Protein backbone atom coordinates (compact mmCIF):
# COMPACT_ATOMS: atom_id res chain seq x y z
CA MET A 1 3.42 69.94 23.51
CA PRO A 2 4.40 72.79 21.24
CA ARG A 3 1.53 74.55 19.44
CA LEU A 4 0.86 73.86 15.86
CA PRO A 5 1.59 76.88 13.50
CA ARG A 6 -1.57 78.64 12.49
CA PHE A 7 -3.25 77.77 9.18
CA VAL A 8 -2.19 80.62 6.64
CA LEU A 9 -3.55 80.49 3.20
CA PRO A 10 -4.30 83.89 1.43
CA GLY A 11 -7.88 83.91 -0.32
CA GLN A 12 -9.16 81.16 2.01
CA PRO A 13 -11.98 81.88 4.51
CA GLN A 14 -11.54 81.33 8.18
CA HIS A 15 -13.67 81.23 11.14
CA ILE A 16 -12.17 83.16 13.99
CA ILE A 17 -13.10 83.31 17.83
CA GLN A 18 -11.57 85.18 20.56
CA ARG A 19 -12.75 85.00 24.18
CA GLY A 20 -12.51 87.26 27.30
CA ASN A 21 -10.18 85.93 29.89
CA ASN A 22 -11.91 83.36 32.19
CA ARG A 23 -15.02 83.99 30.06
CA GLU A 24 -15.38 87.45 31.63
CA PRO A 25 -17.26 90.38 29.83
CA ILE A 26 -15.27 92.17 27.20
CA PHE A 27 -18.31 94.67 26.38
CA ALA A 28 -20.24 96.56 29.03
CA ALA A 29 -21.75 99.35 27.31
CA THR A 30 -22.90 100.51 23.67
CA GLU A 31 -19.69 102.61 23.48
CA ASP A 32 -17.57 99.36 23.82
CA TYR A 33 -19.22 97.62 20.86
CA LYS A 34 -18.85 100.67 18.66
CA TYR A 35 -15.22 101.19 19.49
CA TYR A 36 -14.33 97.49 18.85
CA LEU A 37 -16.16 97.77 15.54
CA ASP A 38 -14.34 100.98 14.55
CA ARG A 39 -10.90 99.35 15.29
CA LEU A 40 -11.97 96.09 13.61
CA ASN A 41 -12.74 97.98 10.41
CA ALA A 42 -9.62 100.14 10.53
CA ALA A 43 -7.25 97.03 11.17
CA ALA A 44 -9.08 94.83 8.44
CA LYS A 45 -8.42 97.45 5.76
CA LYS A 46 -4.93 98.08 6.96
CA HIS A 47 -4.01 94.37 6.90
CA ARG A 48 -6.19 93.33 3.81
CA VAL A 49 -8.59 91.06 5.51
CA ASP A 50 -12.20 90.78 4.24
CA ILE A 51 -14.92 90.57 6.97
CA HIS A 52 -17.96 88.73 5.68
CA ALA A 53 -19.84 88.07 9.03
CA TYR A 54 -19.36 88.81 12.64
CA VAL A 55 -21.02 88.92 16.01
CA LEU A 56 -19.91 90.65 19.19
CA MET A 57 -21.14 88.58 22.17
CA THR A 58 -20.79 89.74 25.85
CA ASN A 59 -17.73 87.89 26.43
CA HIS A 60 -16.51 86.79 23.03
CA VAL A 61 -16.31 87.46 19.26
CA HIS A 62 -16.89 85.56 16.31
CA LEU A 63 -15.58 86.73 12.83
CA LEU A 64 -15.87 84.99 9.22
CA VAL A 65 -12.95 86.51 7.16
CA THR A 66 -10.82 86.03 4.26
CA PRO A 67 -7.26 87.21 4.55
CA TRP A 68 -5.23 88.37 1.41
CA THR A 69 -1.80 88.14 3.07
CA LYS A 70 -0.18 85.53 5.21
CA LYS A 71 0.05 87.66 8.25
CA GLY A 72 -3.15 89.56 7.56
CA ILE A 73 -5.37 87.85 10.29
CA SER A 74 -2.58 87.90 12.89
CA ASN A 75 -1.66 91.42 12.52
CA MET A 76 -5.31 92.53 12.37
CA MET A 77 -6.01 90.66 15.65
CA GLN A 78 -2.95 91.97 17.48
CA GLY A 79 -3.80 95.49 16.34
CA ILE A 80 -7.41 95.23 17.66
CA GLY A 81 -6.30 93.50 20.82
CA ARG A 82 -3.75 96.20 21.79
CA TYR A 83 -6.09 99.05 21.12
CA TYR A 84 -9.05 97.61 22.78
CA VAL A 85 -7.34 96.48 25.83
CA GLN A 86 -5.94 99.85 26.40
CA TYR A 87 -9.42 101.50 25.80
CA PHE A 88 -11.30 98.93 28.10
CA ASN A 89 -8.86 99.04 30.81
CA GLY A 90 -8.85 102.92 30.86
CA ARG A 91 -12.66 103.04 30.54
CA TYR A 92 -13.05 100.86 33.41
CA SER A 93 -10.14 101.39 35.67
CA ARG A 94 -8.74 97.91 35.24
CA THR A 95 -5.30 96.39 34.62
CA GLY A 96 -4.06 93.21 33.13
CA THR A 97 -5.02 90.98 30.27
CA LEU A 98 -8.44 91.00 28.71
CA TRP A 99 -8.09 88.09 26.33
CA GLU A 100 -8.09 84.23 26.95
CA GLY A 101 -4.82 83.63 25.11
CA ARG A 102 -4.48 83.69 21.35
CA TYR A 103 -7.50 83.78 19.07
CA LYS A 104 -8.68 80.48 17.65
CA GLY A 105 -9.44 79.79 14.03
CA THR A 106 -10.31 77.28 11.41
CA LEU A 107 -9.59 77.21 7.65
CA LEU A 108 -12.78 76.20 6.00
CA ASP A 109 -13.82 74.65 2.72
CA SER A 110 -15.81 77.63 1.02
CA GLU A 111 -18.20 75.33 -1.06
CA ALA A 112 -19.25 73.21 1.74
CA TYR A 113 -19.18 75.32 4.85
CA LEU A 114 -19.11 79.18 4.01
CA LEU A 115 -22.81 79.98 4.10
CA THR A 116 -23.09 77.36 7.15
CA CYS A 117 -20.41 79.64 8.89
CA TYR A 118 -22.37 82.72 8.21
CA ARG A 119 -25.48 81.15 9.97
CA TYR A 120 -23.25 79.86 12.73
CA VAL A 121 -21.87 83.23 13.57
CA GLU A 122 -25.04 85.26 13.07
CA LEU A 123 -27.22 82.87 15.09
CA ASN A 124 -25.03 82.98 18.17
CA PRO A 125 -27.39 85.46 19.90
CA VAL A 126 -30.27 83.09 19.36
CA ARG A 127 -28.53 80.06 20.67
CA ALA A 128 -27.58 81.96 23.79
CA GLY A 129 -31.23 82.80 24.44
CA MET A 130 -30.49 86.54 24.12
CA VAL A 131 -33.03 87.18 21.31
CA ASP A 132 -35.59 85.04 19.29
CA HIS A 133 -34.37 86.11 15.92
CA PRO A 134 -30.97 87.34 14.69
CA ALA A 135 -32.39 90.53 13.25
CA GLU A 136 -33.06 91.62 16.90
CA TYR A 137 -29.47 91.57 17.86
CA PRO A 138 -27.64 94.97 17.04
CA TRP A 139 -24.02 93.68 17.17
CA SER A 140 -23.88 91.48 14.29
CA SER A 141 -23.62 91.31 10.39
CA TYR A 142 -27.14 89.80 10.00
CA ARG A 143 -29.04 92.85 9.41
CA HIS A 144 -26.44 93.90 6.51
CA ASN A 145 -26.51 90.45 4.76
CA ALA A 146 -30.15 89.63 5.26
CA ILE A 147 -31.83 92.93 5.31
CA GLY A 148 -29.73 95.44 3.48
CA THR A 149 -28.89 97.79 6.43
CA LEU A 150 -25.57 99.17 5.25
CA ASP A 151 -22.58 98.00 7.39
CA ALA A 152 -19.28 99.48 6.12
CA LEU A 153 -17.18 96.68 7.80
CA ILE A 154 -18.68 93.93 5.56
CA THR A 155 -17.18 92.74 2.20
CA THR A 156 -19.42 90.52 0.23
CA HIS A 157 -17.93 87.08 -0.46
CA PRO A 158 -18.55 85.70 -4.00
CA LEU A 159 -20.51 82.66 -2.74
CA TYR A 160 -23.03 84.86 -0.88
CA SER A 161 -23.33 86.91 -4.14
CA MET A 162 -24.24 83.83 -6.07
CA LEU A 163 -27.36 83.47 -4.05
CA ASP A 164 -28.90 85.60 -6.69
CA GLU A 165 -28.06 88.42 -9.04
CA ASP A 166 -30.88 90.64 -7.83
CA ASP A 167 -30.21 92.34 -4.48
CA ASP A 168 -33.66 91.80 -2.95
CA LYS A 169 -33.91 88.13 -4.09
CA ARG A 170 -30.26 87.38 -2.79
CA ARG A 171 -31.14 88.60 0.62
CA SER A 172 -34.35 86.84 0.61
CA ALA A 173 -32.54 83.65 -0.32
CA TYR A 174 -30.04 84.27 2.58
CA ARG A 175 -32.95 84.94 5.04
CA ALA A 176 -34.38 81.51 4.00
CA LEU A 177 -31.21 79.84 5.02
CA PHE A 178 -32.15 80.84 8.57
CA ASP A 179 -35.43 78.97 8.58
CA ASP A 180 -33.99 76.12 10.24
CA HIS A 181 -31.27 76.21 12.92
CA LEU A 182 -28.06 74.23 12.63
CA ASP A 183 -28.18 70.60 13.79
CA GLY A 184 -25.97 69.36 16.72
CA LYS A 185 -23.61 67.58 14.34
CA THR A 186 -22.89 70.66 12.39
CA LEU A 187 -22.37 72.75 15.61
CA HIS A 188 -19.97 70.21 16.97
CA GLU A 189 -17.93 70.08 13.62
CA ILE A 190 -17.51 73.78 13.59
CA ARG A 191 -16.72 74.24 17.32
CA SER A 192 -14.32 71.45 17.48
CA ALA A 193 -12.30 72.45 14.18
CA THR A 194 -12.13 76.05 15.57
CA ASN A 195 -11.16 75.31 19.12
CA LYS A 196 -8.45 72.66 18.02
CA ALA A 197 -7.20 74.65 14.88
CA TRP A 198 -8.06 71.90 12.38
CA ALA A 199 -9.36 72.63 8.83
CA LEU A 200 -13.24 72.38 8.32
CA GLY A 201 -14.09 70.37 5.33
CA ASP A 202 -14.13 66.81 4.01
CA ASP A 203 -11.22 64.31 3.75
CA ARG A 204 -10.29 65.69 0.17
CA PHE A 205 -10.20 69.32 1.44
CA ARG A 206 -8.10 68.38 4.47
CA GLU A 207 -5.68 66.39 2.43
CA LYS A 208 -5.30 69.47 -0.07
CA ILE A 209 -4.56 71.80 2.84
CA THR A 210 -1.99 69.25 4.42
CA ARG A 211 -0.16 69.28 1.03
CA LEU A 212 -0.13 72.97 0.55
CA LEU A 213 0.76 74.02 4.24
CA ASN A 214 2.93 71.07 5.17
CA ARG A 215 0.99 70.46 8.51
CA PRO A 216 -1.65 68.21 9.65
CA ALA A 217 -5.13 69.52 8.93
CA SER A 218 -6.87 67.10 10.99
CA PRO A 219 -6.32 64.84 14.11
CA CYS A 220 -4.35 61.77 13.27
CA ALA A 221 -6.36 58.50 13.63
CA ARG A 222 -6.32 56.85 16.94
CA GLY A 223 -4.44 53.48 17.23
CA GLY A 224 -7.77 51.73 17.81
CA ASP A 225 -9.01 49.71 20.82
CA HIS A 226 -6.01 48.02 22.44
CA ARG A 227 -8.21 45.59 24.24
CA SER A 228 -9.88 44.21 21.22
CA GLU A 229 -8.87 40.64 20.01
CA GLU A 230 -8.32 42.19 16.31
CA PHE A 231 -5.56 44.62 17.75
CA LYS A 232 -4.03 41.99 19.87
CA SER A 233 -3.84 39.54 16.76
CA ASN A 234 -2.34 42.19 14.71
CA ARG A 235 0.53 43.02 17.06
CA VAL A 236 4.04 42.01 16.11
């Protein structure tokens, strides 16, 4: 079955994930994380992609981004991948691919899911049992967004800015979002939409994306239970 074309809608946020091949590590030392972030910063600026949140895990990367051109994300990820694979293979005397195929992504409804995806991305190290609090993990955007530690990679999204006009109060409001972890239903929705390349939002949002991009934004409804009496009685 051919792959669906990627969702591309300039100005609309996306959640992106890229994994190491066979779930193997893609970062082994502090220098690796730093090099990746440097290349990400350069590629994002070159291809006009705003980075709102990120986390670099041992064997995968999460990004919350807004592209401003149709090819912005794909060009950014290709550029990072090419430079980082060369760097990693040279540093560790290895050959071959580093990534598990193409990056995966979901177009998301800003109003309903943007701040939720901020939390989803920055809570990854906590869910993985690596730290007790996101502020303890050095390779994410949490300390910039929640504490004010400057991270030149981050571009503030307007909905984040709307938490409060005052910087300190805005960061306090952002930290309060992390008082509770995400529930299982929300985790499933984000993971499923990202892994299957569907839009993340309600029916109205998905219908809007379907019209704008002329491709399905959610899975087609199943045909029902073929063993049910209702199904049998409605067959022609």
